[in-house]
Amino acid sequence: MALDARIRELDNRHQTLDRLIDDERRRPSADEIRLKELKRQKLRLKEEIASLRLRVH
């Protein structure tokens, strides 16, 4: 069950990053460097989540 909890935690962080990306995009002068970093973090989390889900099933 520890893996399930970890996946939920990472899913929550992934959703938070999604909101931060949307918020940054809405700003009149969005910081492209920040956007790029947030997207990179989101992708890393997505890859980790996928990897963990494979281990669970």
C-alpha atoms as a PDB file:
ATOM      1  CA  MET A   1       0.000   0.000   0.000  1.00  0.00           C
ATOM      2  CA  ALA A   2       2.923   2.361   0.412  1.00  0.00           C
ATOM      3  CA  LEU A   3       3.234   2.608  -3.371  1.00  0.00           C
ATOM      4  CA  ASP A   4      -0.417   3.613  -3.678  1.00  0.00           C
ATOM      5  CA  ALA A   5       0.114   6.396  -1.161  1.00  0.00           C
ATOM      6  CA  ARG A   6       3.224   7.563  -2.999  1.00  0.00           C
ATOM      7  CA  ILE A   7       1.339   7.604  -6.305  1.00  0.00           C
ATOM      8  CA  ARG A   8      -1.463   9.674  -4.742  1.00  0.00           C
ATOM      9  CA  GLU A   9       1.091  12.100  -3.317  1.00  0.00           C
ATOM     10  CA  LEU A  10       2.781  12.473  -6.701  1.00  0.00           C
ATOM     11  CA  ASP A  11      -0.597  12.887  -8.432  1.00  0.00           C
ATOM     12  CA  ASN A  12      -1.391  15.739  -6.041  1.00  0.00           C
ATOM     13  CA  ARG A  13       1.939  17.406  -6.754  1.00  0.00           C
ATOM     14  CA  HIS A  14       1.344  16.927 -10.489  1.00  0.00           C
ATOM     15  CA  GLN A  15      -2.041  18.671 -10.213  1.00  0.00           C
ATOM     16  CA  THR A  16      -0.491  21.494  -8.206  1.00  0.00           C
ATOM     17  CA  LEU A  17       2.128  22.018 -10.905  1.00  0.00           C
ATOM     18  CA  ASP A  18      -0.633  22.037 -13.505  1.00  0.00           C
ATOM     19  CA  ARG A  19      -2.383  24.860 -11.634  1.00  0.00           C
ATOM     20  CA  LEU A  20       0.876  26.791 -11.240  1.00  0.00           C
ATOM     21  CA  ILE A  21       1.534  26.491 -14.973  1.00  0.00           C
ATOM     22  CA  ASP A  22      -1.975  27.739 -15.771  1.00  0.00           C
ATOM     23  CA  ASP A  23      -1.580  30.627 -13.335  1.00  0.00           C
ATOM     24  CA  GLU A  24       1.762  31.608 -14.848  1.00  0.00           C
ATOM     25  CA  ARG A  25       0.351  31.488 -18.387  1.00  0.00           C
ATOM     26  CA  ARG A  26      -2.483  33.825 -17.389  1.00  0.00           C
ATOM     27  CA  ARG A  27      -0.095  36.499 -16.180  1.00  0.00           C
ATOM     28  CA  PRO A  28       0.286  39.420 -18.607  1.00  0.00           C
ATOM     29  CA  SER A  29       4.033  38.911 -18.775  1.00  0.00           C
ATOM     30  CA  ALA A  30       4.510  35.211 -18.123  1.00  0.00           C
ATOM     31  CA  ASP A  31       8.001  34.154 -17.086  1.00  0.00           C
ATOM     32  CA  GLU A  32       9.042  31.691 -19.795  1.00  0.00           C
ATOM     33  CA  ILE A  33      11.940  30.344 -17.729  1.00  0.00           C
ATOM     34  CA  ARG A  34       9.625  29.604 -14.810  1.00  0.00           C
ATOM     35  CA  LEU A  35       7.118  27.982 -17.168  1.00  0.00           C
ATOM     36  CA  LYS A  36       9.819  25.785 -18.641  1.00  0.00           C
ATOM     37  CA  GLU A  37      10.988  24.684 -15.179  1.00  0.00           C
ATOM     38  CA  LEU A  38       7.442  23.957 -14.000  1.00  0.00           C
ATOM     39  CA  LYS A  39       6.763  21.900 -17.122  1.00  0.00           C
ATOM     40  CA  ARG A  40       9.994  19.966 -16.641  1.00  0.00           C
ATOM     41  CA  GLN A  41       9.054  19.173 -13.027  1.00  0.00           C
ATOM     42  CA  LYS A  42       5.589  18.089 -14.145  1.00  0.00           C
ATOM     43  CA  LEU A  43       7.058  15.773 -16.770  1.00  0.00           C
ATOM     44  CA  ARG A  44       9.429  14.196 -14.239  1.00  0.00           C
ATOM     45  CA  LEU A  45       6.513  13.538 -11.908  1.00  0.00           C
ATOM     46  CA  LYS A  46       4.462  12.058 -14.741  1.00  0.00           C
ATOM     47  CA  GLU A  47       7.297   9.682 -15.597  1.00  0.00           C
ATOM     48  CA  GLU A  48       7.733   8.656 -11.967  1.00  0.00           C
ATOM     49  CA  ILE A  49       3.990   8.079 -11.560  1.00  0.00           C
ATOM     50  CA  ALA A  50       3.919   5.916 -14.699  1.00  0.00           C
ATOM     51  CA  SER A  51       6.871   3.899 -13.460  1.00  0.00           C
ATOM     52  CA  LEU A  52       5.286   3.317 -10.056  1.00  0.00           C
ATOM     53  CA  ARG A  53       1.959   2.335 -11.604  1.00  0.00           C
ATOM     54  CA  LEU A  54       3.736  -0.320 -13.636  1.00  0.00           C
ATOM     55  CA  ARG A  55       5.212  -1.741 -10.425  1.00  0.00           C
ATOM     56  CA  VAL A  56       1.798  -1.855  -8.752  1.00  0.00           C
ATOM     57  CA  HIS A  57       0.077  -3.731 -11.579  1.00  0.00           C
END
